[in-house]
Amino acid sequence: MVAGSRAEQVGVSSFDLTLNLQVLLVVRHLRGEEAGRREAGGAYDLLAGVRQALWHQDLGLDLTPFALVREEPLLTDGEFTVYAAHYSATAVQDR
């Protein structure tokens, strides 16, 4: 999901646009919390897949490649683990 954006005027009719993208990963662990993070298909495996798909990619759009800002755990309980991966990209918009 797009977590936010901001524009900064850099010229009379040019703006730098910053896009912040947040990817939420939810893993349901049936073999324990540690297995839900570390085993194949677990949270760490999914985070690596998202990194491979987005990091330094522009997705064919007219913007700088996405840069990883941070990855963080949001929730770990008896059944689920939720991580967020935050990415940022910029573009120059001319009026």
C-alpha atoms as a PDB file:
ATOM      1  CA  MET A   1       0.000   0.000   0.000  1.00  0.00           C
ATOM      2  CA  VAL A   2       1.156   3.558  -0.553  1.00  0.00           C
ATOM      3  CA  ALA A   3       1.937   4.782   2.939  1.00  0.00           C
ATOM      4  CA  GLY A   4       2.290   8.408   1.926  1.00  0.00           C
ATOM      5  CA  SER A   5       3.806  10.850  -0.472  1.00  0.00           C
ATOM      6  CA  ARG A   6       5.140  14.360  -0.409  1.00  0.00           C
ATOM      7  CA  ALA A   7       6.105  16.957  -2.980  1.00  0.00           C
ATOM      8  CA  GLU A   8       8.865  19.517  -2.755  1.00  0.00           C
ATOM      9  CA  GLN A   9       9.205  22.348  -5.255  1.00  0.00           C
ATOM     10  CA  VAL A  10      12.691  22.362  -6.806  1.00  0.00           C
ATOM     11  CA  GLY A  11      12.096  24.853  -9.605  1.00  0.00           C
ATOM     12  CA  VAL A  12       9.478  27.199 -10.943  1.00  0.00           C
ATOM     13  CA  SER A  13       7.469  24.338 -12.419  1.00  0.00           C
ATOM     14  CA  SER A  14       9.258  21.213 -11.116  1.00  0.00           C
ATOM     15  CA  PHE A  15       8.555  19.123  -8.043  1.00  0.00           C
ATOM     16  CA  ASP A  16      10.361  16.211  -6.438  1.00  0.00           C
ATOM     17  CA  LEU A  17       7.766  13.612  -5.484  1.00  0.00           C
ATOM     18  CA  THR A  18       8.615  11.049  -2.824  1.00  0.00           C
ATOM     19  CA  LEU A  19       6.496   7.890  -2.689  1.00  0.00           C
ATOM     20  CA  ASN A  20       6.524   5.734   0.432  1.00  0.00           C
ATOM     21  CA  LEU A  21       5.414   2.153  -0.057  1.00  0.00           C
ATOM     22  CA  GLN A  22       4.659  -0.239   2.787  1.00  0.00           C
ATOM     23  CA  VAL A  23       4.361  -3.984   2.237  1.00  0.00           C
ATOM     24  CA  LEU A  24       2.742  -5.989   5.036  1.00  0.00           C
ATOM     25  CA  LEU A  25       3.610  -9.680   5.359  1.00  0.00           C
ATOM     26  CA  VAL A  26       1.422 -11.948   7.443  1.00  0.00           C
ATOM     27  CA  VAL A  27       2.568 -15.472   8.234  1.00  0.00           C
ATOM     28  CA  ARG A  28       0.397 -17.964  10.070  1.00  0.00           C
ATOM     29  CA  HIS A  29       2.712 -20.315  11.904  1.00  0.00           C
ATOM     30  CA  LEU A  30       1.380 -23.761  12.564  1.00  0.00           C
ATOM     31  CA  ARG A  31       4.689 -25.224  13.813  1.00  0.00           C
ATOM     32  CA  GLY A  32       5.613 -22.516  16.282  1.00  0.00           C
ATOM     33  CA  GLU A  33       6.630 -18.881  16.173  1.00  0.00           C
ATOM     34  CA  GLU A  34      10.309 -19.479  15.336  1.00  0.00           C
ATOM     35  CA  ALA A  35       9.426 -21.801  12.456  1.00  0.00           C
ATOM     36  CA  GLY A  36       7.013 -19.149  11.179  1.00  0.00           C
ATOM     37  CA  ARG A  37       9.906 -16.720  10.918  1.00  0.00           C
ATOM     38  CA  ARG A  38      12.817 -18.927   9.813  1.00  0.00           C
ATOM     39  CA  GLU A  39      11.564 -21.868   7.762  1.00  0.00           C
ATOM     40  CA  ALA A  40      10.870 -21.847   4.013  1.00  0.00           C
ATOM     41  CA  GLY A  41       7.775 -19.766   3.384  1.00  0.00           C
ATOM     42  CA  GLY A  42       8.249 -17.991   6.701  1.00  0.00           C
ATOM     43  CA  ALA A  43       8.465 -14.270   7.344  1.00  0.00           C
ATOM     44  CA  TYR A  44      12.207 -13.998   6.602  1.00  0.00           C
ATOM     45  CA  ASP A  45      11.786 -15.911   3.347  1.00  0.00           C
ATOM     46  CA  LEU A  46       8.917 -13.634   2.303  1.00  0.00           C
ATOM     47  CA  LEU A  47      10.892 -10.493   3.222  1.00  0.00           C
ATOM     48  CA  ALA A  48      13.747 -11.722   1.008  1.00  0.00           C
ATOM     49  CA  GLY A  49      11.294 -12.258  -1.858  1.00  0.00           C
ATOM     50  CA  VAL A  50       9.888  -8.746  -1.500  1.00  0.00           C
ATOM     51  CA  ARG A  51      13.440  -7.360  -1.399  1.00  0.00           C
ATOM     52  CA  GLN A  52      14.267  -9.204  -4.604  1.00  0.00           C
ATOM     53  CA  ALA A  53      11.082  -7.952  -6.294  1.00  0.00           C
ATOM     54  CA  LEU A  54      11.274  -4.278  -5.261  1.00  0.00           C
ATOM     55  CA  TRP A  55      14.740  -3.244  -4.126  1.00  0.00           C
ATOM     56  CA  HIS A  56      16.427  -1.145  -6.829  1.00  0.00           C
ATOM     57  CA  GLN A  57      13.511  -1.687  -9.226  1.00  0.00           C
ATOM     58  CA  ASP A  58      11.576   1.105 -10.931  1.00  0.00           C
ATOM     59  CA  LEU A  59       8.755  -1.197 -12.118  1.00  0.00           C
ATOM     60  CA  GLY A  60       8.892   0.457 -15.524  1.00  0.00           C
ATOM     61  CA  LEU A  61       7.777   3.790 -14.070  1.00  0.00           C
ATOM     62  CA  ASP A  62       9.489   7.149 -14.478  1.00  0.00           C
ATOM     63  CA  LEU A  63      10.971   7.233 -10.974  1.00  0.00           C
ATOM     64  CA  THR A  64      14.143   6.347  -9.153  1.00  0.00           C
ATOM     65  CA  PRO A  65      14.435   2.702  -8.135  1.00  0.00           C
ATOM     66  CA  PHE A  66      12.790   1.718  -4.862  1.00  0.00           C
ATOM     67  CA  ALA A  67      15.124   1.800  -1.886  1.00  0.00           C
ATOM     68  CA  LEU A  68      14.601  -0.250   1.238  1.00  0.00           C
ATOM     69  CA  VAL A  69      14.085   2.077   4.198  1.00  0.00           C
ATOM     70  CA  ARG A  70      13.440  -0.480   6.947  1.00  0.00           C
ATOM     71  CA  GLU A  71      11.891  -3.812   7.838  1.00  0.00           C
ATOM     72  CA  GLU A  72      10.221  -4.235  11.190  1.00  0.00           C
ATOM     73  CA  PRO A  73       8.132  -6.767  13.094  1.00  0.00           C
ATOM     74  CA  LEU A  74       4.681  -5.438  13.947  1.00  0.00           C
ATOM     75  CA  LEU A  75       3.087  -8.402  15.717  1.00  0.00           C
ATOM     76  CA  THR A  76       4.049 -11.827  16.930  1.00  0.00           C
ATOM     77  CA  ASP A  77       1.553 -13.928  18.819  1.00  0.00           C
ATOM     78  CA  GLY A  78       0.693 -17.588  19.161  1.00  0.00           C
ATOM     79  CA  GLU A  79      -0.690 -17.822  15.641  1.00  0.00           C
ATOM     80  CA  PHE A  80       0.556 -14.975  13.436  1.00  0.00           C
ATOM     81  CA  THR A  81       3.686 -12.972  12.707  1.00  0.00           C
ATOM     82  CA  VAL A  82       3.331  -9.655  10.883  1.00  0.00           C
ATOM     83  CA  TYR A  83       6.241  -7.720   9.381  1.00  0.00           C
ATOM     84  CA  ALA A  84       6.298  -4.428   7.500  1.00  0.00           C
ATOM     85  CA  ALA A  85       8.790  -3.578   4.770  1.00  0.00           C
ATOM     86  CA  HIS A  86       9.080   0.138   3.970  1.00  0.00           C
ATOM     87  CA  TYR A  87      10.372   1.327   0.587  1.00  0.00           C
ATOM     88  CA  SER A  88      10.817   4.780  -0.904  1.00  0.00           C
ATOM     89  CA  ALA A  89      11.165   6.127  -4.460  1.00  0.00           C
ATOM     90  CA  THR A  90      11.285   9.599  -5.966  1.00  0.00           C
ATOM     91  CA  ALA A  91      10.284  11.185  -9.249  1.00  0.00           C
ATOM     92  CA  VAL A  92      10.589  14.633 -10.772  1.00  0.00           C
ATOM     93  CA  GLN A  93       7.265  16.076 -11.895  1.00  0.00           C
ATOM     94  CA  ASP A  94       7.235  18.955 -14.375  1.00  0.00           C
ATOM     95  CA  ARG A  95       4.078  20.994 -14.792  1.00  0.00           C
END
